[in-house]
Amino acid sequence: MSTEKGKISTSKLRVFVGPGNTAGNAHYIARSLRSVGVRATGYCYHVHEFGYAADRVIPQFRSLKRKGIVKLVNNRFVLRPVNAVIRFWFFLSVLFRYDLFYFISPITFFENHRDLAILKFFGKKNCLFFPRLCREKSP
C-alpha cells in the first residue's frame, strides 16, 4: 500500500482475518501476511474437526446431543443468545484493535451482518473473500 492521503502503510497495518476457518484459511492467510511485515491475526469460532491450525479460537457453545423439545429450547432460547453475547463482546474487543477486517467466510460477527455498517461507520476497511466449491455439470 502506498502512503498517499487516506492510505495506510503496510508496516503499521493491523489485519483481522476470520472469523471462519474454512480449511485453515484464517491461519494461513494471517501467517502469509505476517511473513511480509503486516501485523495480522486469524480468528475462528470453533476448533476445526479436521485439526486445521488457528491463531486464536473464540469458543462458541454447540448444541447438545438431545432430541425433541429439549434440543429446540436449548438451541433457540439458550445457546443462540449466549453465543450472540460472546460475539458482541468479541466484536467490541477487536473493533479498535484492527485497521482492516478480512472476512474469509460468509460468517461475520453478527448473524444479520449489521456489523459491516458499524465497521464502515468507524472508517474501518473491509475485505470479503468467500471460497465456494464450483461443480461442473457432466453432459
N, C-alpha and C. Protein backbone atom coordinates (compact mmCIF):
# COMPACT_ATOMS: atom_id res chain seq x y z
N MET A 1 0.83 -1.18 0.00
CA MET A 1 0.00 0.00 0.00
C MET A 1 0.88 1.24 0.00
N SER A 2 0.41 2.24 -0.65
CA SER A 2 1.18 3.47 -0.70
C SER A 2 0.90 4.32 0.52
N THR A 3 1.66 5.40 0.62
CA THR A 3 1.48 6.29 1.76
C THR A 3 0.74 7.56 1.35
N GLU A 4 -0.05 7.51 0.29
CA GLU A 4 -0.83 8.66 -0.12
C GLU A 4 -1.87 8.98 0.95
N LYS A 5 -2.52 10.12 0.77
CA LYS A 5 -3.54 10.52 1.73
C LYS A 5 -4.68 9.49 1.72
N GLY A 6 -5.07 9.03 2.91
CA GLY A 6 -6.14 8.05 3.02
C GLY A 6 -5.67 6.61 2.95
N LYS A 7 -4.40 6.40 2.71
CA LYS A 7 -3.86 5.05 2.63
C LYS A 7 -3.09 4.73 3.91
N ILE A 8 -2.94 3.47 4.19
CA ILE A 8 -2.22 3.02 5.39
C ILE A 8 -0.97 2.27 4.94
N SER A 9 0.16 2.57 5.53
CA SER A 9 1.37 1.83 5.17
C SER A 9 1.29 0.42 5.73
N THR A 10 1.85 -0.53 5.01
CA THR A 10 1.73 -1.93 5.40
C THR A 10 2.47 -2.24 6.69
N SER A 11 3.47 -1.47 7.04
CA SER A 11 4.20 -1.75 8.28
C SER A 11 3.36 -1.43 9.51
N LYS A 12 2.41 -0.52 9.37
CA LYS A 12 1.56 -0.16 10.50
C LYS A 12 0.18 -0.80 10.42
N LEU A 13 -0.10 -1.52 9.35
CA LEU A 13 -1.42 -2.10 9.13
C LEU A 13 -1.67 -3.27 10.08
N ARG A 14 -2.83 -3.25 10.72
CA ARG A 14 -3.23 -4.34 11.60
C ARG A 14 -4.46 -5.00 10.97
N VAL A 15 -4.36 -6.30 10.69
CA VAL A 15 -5.39 -7.00 9.92
C VAL A 15 -6.03 -8.10 10.77
N PHE A 16 -7.35 -8.09 10.79
CA PHE A 16 -8.16 -9.14 11.39
C PHE A 16 -8.54 -10.10 10.26
N VAL A 17 -8.25 -11.39 10.43
CA VAL A 17 -8.61 -12.40 9.44
C VAL A 17 -9.55 -13.39 10.11
N GLY A 18 -10.68 -13.63 9.50
CA GLY A 18 -11.60 -14.61 10.08
C GLY A 18 -13.03 -14.19 9.91
N PRO A 19 -13.91 -14.50 10.79
CA PRO A 19 -13.78 -15.41 11.91
C PRO A 19 -13.99 -16.88 11.55
N GLY A 20 -14.27 -17.17 10.30
CA GLY A 20 -14.40 -18.57 9.90
C GLY A 20 -13.04 -19.18 9.66
N ASN A 21 -12.98 -20.48 9.59
CA ASN A 21 -11.69 -21.14 9.38
C ASN A 21 -11.86 -22.24 8.34
N THR A 22 -12.31 -21.87 7.16
CA THR A 22 -12.52 -22.83 6.09
C THR A 22 -11.17 -23.40 5.68
N ALA A 23 -10.97 -24.68 5.97
CA ALA A 23 -9.74 -25.39 5.63
C ALA A 23 -8.49 -24.69 6.15
N GLY A 24 -8.58 -24.01 7.28
CA GLY A 24 -7.44 -23.35 7.88
C GLY A 24 -7.05 -22.04 7.22
N ASN A 25 -7.92 -21.49 6.36
CA ASN A 25 -7.59 -20.26 5.64
C ASN A 25 -7.26 -19.10 6.56
N ALA A 26 -7.96 -18.96 7.66
CA ALA A 26 -7.70 -17.84 8.57
C ALA A 26 -6.24 -17.86 9.04
N HIS A 27 -5.78 -19.01 9.43
CA HIS A 27 -4.41 -19.14 9.91
C HIS A 27 -3.40 -18.91 8.79
N TYR A 28 -3.63 -19.54 7.64
CA TYR A 28 -2.65 -19.46 6.55
C TYR A 28 -2.58 -18.07 5.93
N ILE A 29 -3.72 -17.40 5.79
CA ILE A 29 -3.70 -16.04 5.25
C ILE A 29 -3.00 -15.09 6.23
N ALA A 30 -3.32 -15.22 7.52
CA ALA A 30 -2.68 -14.36 8.52
C ALA A 30 -1.17 -14.63 8.57
N ARG A 31 -0.78 -15.89 8.49
CA ARG A 31 0.64 -16.23 8.50
C ARG A 31 1.35 -15.66 7.28
N SER A 32 0.71 -15.70 6.12
CA SER A 32 1.30 -15.13 4.91
C SER A 32 1.44 -13.62 5.02
N LEU A 33 0.45 -12.97 5.57
CA LEU A 33 0.54 -11.52 5.77
C LEU A 33 1.65 -11.17 6.75
N ARG A 34 1.77 -11.96 7.81
CA ARG A 34 2.85 -11.70 8.78
C ARG A 34 4.23 -11.88 8.14
N SER A 35 4.35 -12.78 7.18
CA SER A 35 5.65 -13.03 6.55
C SER A 35 6.12 -11.85 5.70
N VAL A 36 5.19 -10.96 5.30
CA VAL A 36 5.57 -9.77 4.54
C VAL A 36 5.52 -8.50 5.38
N GLY A 37 5.41 -8.64 6.69
CA GLY A 37 5.52 -7.50 7.59
C GLY A 37 4.22 -6.88 8.06
N VAL A 38 3.09 -7.49 7.73
CA VAL A 38 1.79 -6.97 8.18
C VAL A 38 1.43 -7.66 9.48
N ARG A 39 0.95 -6.90 10.44
CA ARG A 39 0.52 -7.50 11.71
C ARG A 39 -0.90 -8.05 11.54
N ALA A 40 -1.00 -9.35 11.38
CA ALA A 40 -2.28 -10.00 11.12
C ALA A 40 -2.50 -11.13 12.11
N THR A 41 -3.77 -11.34 12.47
CA THR A 41 -4.15 -12.42 13.37
C THR A 41 -5.40 -13.08 12.82
N GLY A 42 -5.39 -14.41 12.78
CA GLY A 42 -6.53 -15.17 12.31
C GLY A 42 -7.37 -15.68 13.47
N TYR A 43 -8.67 -15.51 13.37
CA TYR A 43 -9.60 -15.93 14.42
C TYR A 43 -10.60 -16.92 13.85
N CYS A 44 -11.08 -17.80 14.71
CA CYS A 44 -12.19 -18.68 14.33
C CYS A 44 -13.04 -18.96 15.56
N TYR A 45 -14.29 -19.37 15.31
CA TYR A 45 -15.23 -19.61 16.40
C TYR A 45 -15.17 -21.03 16.94
N HIS A 46 -14.68 -21.96 16.15
CA HIS A 46 -14.63 -23.36 16.59
C HIS A 46 -13.30 -23.97 16.17
N VAL A 47 -12.82 -24.90 16.95
CA VAL A 47 -11.68 -25.71 16.54
C VAL A 47 -12.20 -26.62 15.43
N HIS A 48 -11.51 -26.65 14.32
CA HIS A 48 -11.99 -27.43 13.18
C HIS A 48 -11.87 -28.92 13.47
N GLU A 49 -12.85 -29.67 13.02
CA GLU A 49 -12.88 -31.11 13.31
C GLU A 49 -11.74 -31.88 12.65
N PHE A 50 -11.14 -31.32 11.59
CA PHE A 50 -10.00 -31.97 10.95
C PHE A 50 -8.67 -31.48 11.49
N GLY A 51 -8.70 -30.60 12.47
CA GLY A 51 -7.48 -30.15 13.12
C GLY A 51 -6.71 -29.07 12.39
N TYR A 52 -7.38 -28.28 11.56
CA TYR A 52 -6.68 -27.18 10.89
C TYR A 52 -6.20 -26.18 11.94
N ALA A 53 -5.07 -25.58 11.65
CA ALA A 53 -4.47 -24.64 12.59
C ALA A 53 -5.30 -23.36 12.68
N ALA A 54 -5.24 -22.72 13.83
CA ALA A 54 -5.91 -21.43 14.05
C ALA A 54 -5.05 -20.61 14.99
N ASP A 55 -4.94 -19.32 14.70
CA ASP A 55 -4.17 -18.44 15.58
C ASP A 55 -4.86 -18.29 16.93
N ARG A 56 -6.14 -17.92 16.88
CA ARG A 56 -6.91 -17.76 18.12
C ARG A 56 -8.32 -18.28 17.91
N VAL A 57 -8.83 -18.94 18.93
CA VAL A 57 -10.18 -19.51 18.87
C VAL A 57 -11.06 -18.79 19.88
N ILE A 58 -12.20 -18.30 19.42
CA ILE A 58 -13.20 -17.69 20.29
C ILE A 58 -14.29 -18.75 20.48
N PRO A 59 -14.35 -19.38 21.65
CA PRO A 59 -15.25 -20.52 21.82
C PRO A 59 -16.73 -20.13 21.75
N GLN A 60 -17.47 -20.93 21.03
CA GLN A 60 -18.92 -20.81 20.93
C GLN A 60 -19.52 -22.12 21.42
N PHE A 61 -20.67 -22.04 22.04
CA PHE A 61 -21.32 -23.24 22.54
C PHE A 61 -22.06 -23.94 21.42
N ARG A 62 -22.00 -25.26 21.44
CA ARG A 62 -22.68 -26.06 20.42
C ARG A 62 -23.86 -26.79 21.03
N SER A 63 -24.70 -27.28 20.16
CA SER A 63 -25.91 -27.97 20.57
C SER A 63 -25.60 -29.27 21.30
N LEU A 64 -26.42 -29.57 22.29
CA LEU A 64 -26.32 -30.85 22.97
C LEU A 64 -26.90 -31.94 22.09
N LYS A 65 -26.46 -33.16 22.29
CA LYS A 65 -26.98 -34.27 21.50
C LYS A 65 -28.24 -34.81 22.16
N ARG A 66 -29.27 -34.01 22.09
CA ARG A 66 -30.57 -34.39 22.62
C ARG A 66 -31.57 -34.39 21.48
N LYS A 67 -32.77 -34.81 21.78
CA LYS A 67 -33.80 -34.84 20.75
C LYS A 67 -35.03 -34.09 21.22
N GLY A 68 -35.85 -33.71 20.25
CA GLY A 68 -37.15 -33.14 20.54
C GLY A 68 -37.13 -31.75 21.10
N ILE A 69 -38.05 -31.51 22.04
CA ILE A 69 -38.29 -30.18 22.58
C ILE A 69 -37.10 -29.66 23.40
N VAL A 70 -36.38 -30.55 24.05
CA VAL A 70 -35.21 -30.12 24.84
C VAL A 70 -34.15 -29.52 23.92
N LYS A 71 -33.91 -30.16 22.77
CA LYS A 71 -32.94 -29.65 21.82
C LYS A 71 -33.41 -28.31 21.24
N LEU A 72 -34.69 -28.20 20.91
CA LEU A 72 -35.23 -26.96 20.35
C LEU A 72 -35.09 -25.81 21.34
N VAL A 73 -35.49 -26.02 22.58
CA VAL A 73 -35.40 -24.97 23.60
C VAL A 73 -33.94 -24.61 23.86
N ASN A 74 -33.08 -25.60 23.95
CA ASN A 74 -31.67 -25.35 24.21
C ASN A 74 -31.04 -24.54 23.08
N ASN A 75 -31.32 -24.91 21.84
CA ASN A 75 -30.71 -24.21 20.70
C ASN A 75 -31.25 -22.80 20.53
N ARG A 76 -32.56 -22.65 20.58
CA ARG A 76 -33.17 -21.37 20.26
C ARG A 76 -33.14 -20.36 21.40
N PHE A 77 -33.36 -20.82 22.62
CA PHE A 77 -33.52 -19.88 23.72
C PHE A 77 -32.35 -19.81 24.68
N VAL A 78 -31.41 -20.70 24.55
CA VAL A 78 -30.25 -20.67 25.45
C VAL A 78 -28.96 -20.42 24.66
N LEU A 79 -28.64 -21.29 23.73
CA LEU A 79 -27.36 -21.19 23.04
C LEU A 79 -27.26 -19.98 22.11
N ARG A 80 -28.30 -19.70 21.37
CA ARG A 80 -28.25 -18.58 20.43
C ARG A 80 -28.01 -17.25 21.15
N PRO A 81 -28.73 -16.92 22.21
CA PRO A 81 -28.44 -15.65 22.92
C PRO A 81 -27.07 -15.63 23.59
N VAL A 82 -26.65 -16.76 24.15
CA VAL A 82 -25.34 -16.80 24.80
C VAL A 82 -24.23 -16.59 23.77
N ASN A 83 -24.33 -17.25 22.62
CA ASN A 83 -23.33 -17.08 21.57
C ASN A 83 -23.37 -15.66 21.00
N ALA A 84 -24.56 -15.06 20.92
CA ALA A 84 -24.67 -13.68 20.44
C ALA A 84 -23.95 -12.72 21.38
N VAL A 85 -24.06 -12.93 22.68
CA VAL A 85 -23.37 -12.08 23.66
C VAL A 85 -21.85 -12.25 23.53
N ILE A 86 -21.41 -13.50 23.35
CA ILE A 86 -19.97 -13.75 23.18
C ILE A 86 -19.45 -13.05 21.94
N ARG A 87 -20.19 -13.14 20.83
CA ARG A 87 -19.76 -12.48 19.59
C ARG A 87 -19.78 -10.96 19.73
N PHE A 88 -20.74 -10.42 20.45
CA PHE A 88 -20.81 -8.98 20.65
C PHE A 88 -19.59 -8.48 21.41
N TRP A 89 -19.23 -9.14 22.50
CA TRP A 89 -18.05 -8.73 23.27
C TRP A 89 -16.77 -8.92 22.46
N PHE A 90 -16.72 -9.99 21.68
CA PHE A 90 -15.57 -10.21 20.80
C PHE A 90 -15.47 -9.08 19.77
N PHE A 91 -16.60 -8.69 19.20
CA PHE A 91 -16.62 -7.59 18.23
C PHE A 91 -16.11 -6.30 18.87
N LEU A 92 -16.59 -5.99 20.06
CA LEU A 92 -16.13 -4.78 20.74
C LEU A 92 -14.64 -4.84 21.06
N SER A 93 -14.13 -6.02 21.37
CA SER A 93 -12.72 -6.13 21.73
C SER A 93 -11.79 -5.95 20.53
N VAL A 94 -12.25 -6.23 19.32
CA VAL A 94 -11.39 -6.11 18.14
C VAL A 94 -11.71 -4.88 17.30
N LEU A 95 -12.78 -4.17 17.61
CA LEU A 95 -13.22 -3.05 16.78
C LEU A 95 -12.14 -1.99 16.60
N PHE A 96 -11.48 -1.59 17.66
CA PHE A 96 -10.47 -0.54 17.56
C PHE A 96 -9.05 -1.09 17.54
N ARG A 97 -8.90 -2.39 17.61
CA ARG A 97 -7.58 -3.00 17.59
C ARG A 97 -7.05 -3.20 16.16
N TYR A 98 -7.95 -3.32 15.18
CA TYR A 98 -7.54 -3.63 13.81
C TYR A 98 -7.98 -2.53 12.85
N ASP A 99 -7.19 -2.37 11.77
CA ASP A 99 -7.48 -1.37 10.74
C ASP A 99 -8.26 -1.97 9.58
N LEU A 100 -8.01 -3.22 9.26
CA LEU A 100 -8.65 -3.88 8.13
C LEU A 100 -9.25 -5.20 8.61
N PHE A 101 -10.46 -5.45 8.21
CA PHE A 101 -11.16 -6.68 8.58
C PHE A 101 -11.33 -7.53 7.32
N TYR A 102 -10.67 -8.67 7.30
CA TYR A 102 -10.66 -9.56 6.14
C TYR A 102 -11.50 -10.78 6.49
N PHE A 103 -12.74 -10.80 5.99
CA PHE A 103 -13.66 -11.90 6.26
C PHE A 103 -13.48 -12.97 5.20
N ILE A 104 -13.21 -14.20 5.63
CA ILE A 104 -12.91 -15.26 4.68
C ILE A 104 -14.01 -16.30 4.57
N SER A 105 -15.15 -16.02 5.16
CA SER A 105 -16.30 -16.91 5.03
C SER A 105 -17.55 -16.06 5.16
N PRO A 106 -18.71 -16.60 4.85
CA PRO A 106 -19.93 -15.79 4.97
C PRO A 106 -20.27 -15.43 6.41
N ILE A 107 -19.47 -15.84 7.36
CA ILE A 107 -19.71 -15.55 8.77
C ILE A 107 -19.00 -14.25 9.12
N THR A 108 -19.76 -13.32 9.72
CA THR A 108 -19.13 -12.12 10.28
C THR A 108 -19.41 -12.17 11.78
N PHE A 109 -19.37 -11.06 12.45
CA PHE A 109 -19.57 -11.07 13.89
C PHE A 109 -21.03 -11.33 14.27
N PHE A 110 -21.95 -10.73 13.53
CA PHE A 110 -23.38 -10.87 13.83
C PHE A 110 -24.05 -11.66 12.72
N GLU A 111 -25.14 -12.34 13.04
CA GLU A 111 -25.84 -13.15 12.06
C GLU A 111 -26.46 -12.33 10.94
N ASN A 112 -26.89 -11.12 11.22
CA ASN A 112 -27.55 -10.30 10.21
C ASN A 112 -26.58 -9.36 9.48
N HIS A 113 -25.30 -9.46 9.73
CA HIS A 113 -24.22 -8.68 9.10
C HIS A 113 -24.35 -7.18 9.32
N ARG A 114 -24.98 -6.77 10.40
CA ARG A 114 -25.06 -5.35 10.73
C ARG A 114 -23.72 -4.80 11.20
N ASP A 115 -22.83 -5.69 11.55
CA ASP A 115 -21.50 -5.26 11.97
C ASP A 115 -20.73 -4.59 10.83
N LEU A 116 -21.04 -4.92 9.59
CA LEU A 116 -20.34 -4.29 8.47
C LEU A 116 -20.66 -2.80 8.40
N ALA A 117 -21.89 -2.42 8.71
CA ALA A 117 -22.26 -1.00 8.74
C ALA A 117 -21.55 -0.29 9.90
N ILE A 118 -21.40 -0.97 11.02
CA ILE A 118 -20.70 -0.38 12.16
C ILE A 118 -19.22 -0.18 11.83
N LEU A 119 -18.62 -1.17 11.18
CA LEU A 119 -17.22 -1.03 10.77
C LEU A 119 -17.05 0.12 9.79
N LYS A 120 -17.98 0.25 8.86
CA LYS A 120 -17.93 1.35 7.91
C LYS A 120 -18.08 2.69 8.61
N PHE A 121 -18.96 2.76 9.61
CA PHE A 121 -19.16 4.00 10.37
C PHE A 121 -17.86 4.45 11.03
N PHE A 122 -17.09 3.52 11.56
CA PHE A 122 -15.83 3.85 12.23
C PHE A 122 -14.66 3.96 11.25
N GLY A 123 -14.91 3.88 9.97
CA GLY A 123 -13.87 4.06 8.96
C GLY A 123 -12.94 2.88 8.81
N LYS A 124 -13.38 1.71 9.19
CA LYS A 124 -12.56 0.51 9.05
C LYS A 124 -12.71 -0.05 7.64
N LYS A 125 -11.63 -0.57 7.09
CA LYS A 125 -11.66 -1.17 5.76
C LYS A 125 -12.12 -2.61 5.88
N ASN A 126 -12.93 -3.05 4.93
CA ASN A 126 -13.44 -4.42 4.90
C ASN A 126 -12.97 -5.11 3.64
N CYS A 127 -12.69 -6.37 3.76
CA CYS A 127 -12.33 -7.19 2.62
C CYS A 127 -13.08 -8.50 2.77
N LEU A 128 -13.75 -8.94 1.72
CA LEU A 128 -14.55 -10.15 1.78
C LEU A 128 -14.03 -11.15 0.76
N PHE A 129 -13.80 -12.36 1.23
CA PHE A 129 -13.36 -13.45 0.36
C PHE A 129 -14.12 -14.69 0.79
N PHE A 130 -15.04 -15.13 -0.03
CA PHE A 130 -15.87 -16.29 0.31
C PHE A 130 -15.56 -17.42 -0.65
N PRO A 131 -14.73 -18.38 -0.26
CA PRO A 131 -14.47 -19.51 -1.16
C PRO A 131 -15.72 -20.36 -1.32
N ARG A 132 -15.94 -20.83 -2.51
CA ARG A 132 -17.11 -21.64 -2.79
C ARG A 132 -16.71 -22.76 -3.74
N LEU A 133 -17.25 -23.92 -3.50
CA LEU A 133 -16.98 -25.04 -4.37
C LEU A 133 -17.73 -24.86 -5.69
N CYS A 134 -17.04 -25.04 -6.78
CA CYS A 134 -17.68 -24.97 -8.09
C CYS A 134 -17.79 -26.39 -8.63
N ARG A 135 -18.97 -26.73 -9.01
CA ARG A 135 -19.18 -28.07 -9.54
C ARG A 135 -19.67 -27.94 -10.98
N GLU A 136 -18.98 -28.61 -11.85
CA GLU A 136 -19.40 -28.61 -13.25
C GLU A 136 -20.39 -29.74 -13.46
N LYS A 137 -21.37 -29.46 -14.27
CA LYS A 137 -22.33 -30.49 -14.60
C LYS A 137 -21.77 -31.34 -15.73
N SER A 138 -21.89 -32.62 -15.56
CA SER A 138 -21.40 -33.52 -16.61
C SER A 138 -22.47 -33.63 -17.70
N PRO A 139 -22.03 -33.76 -18.96
CA PRO A 139 -23.01 -33.80 -20.07
C PRO A 139 -23.84 -35.06 -20.07
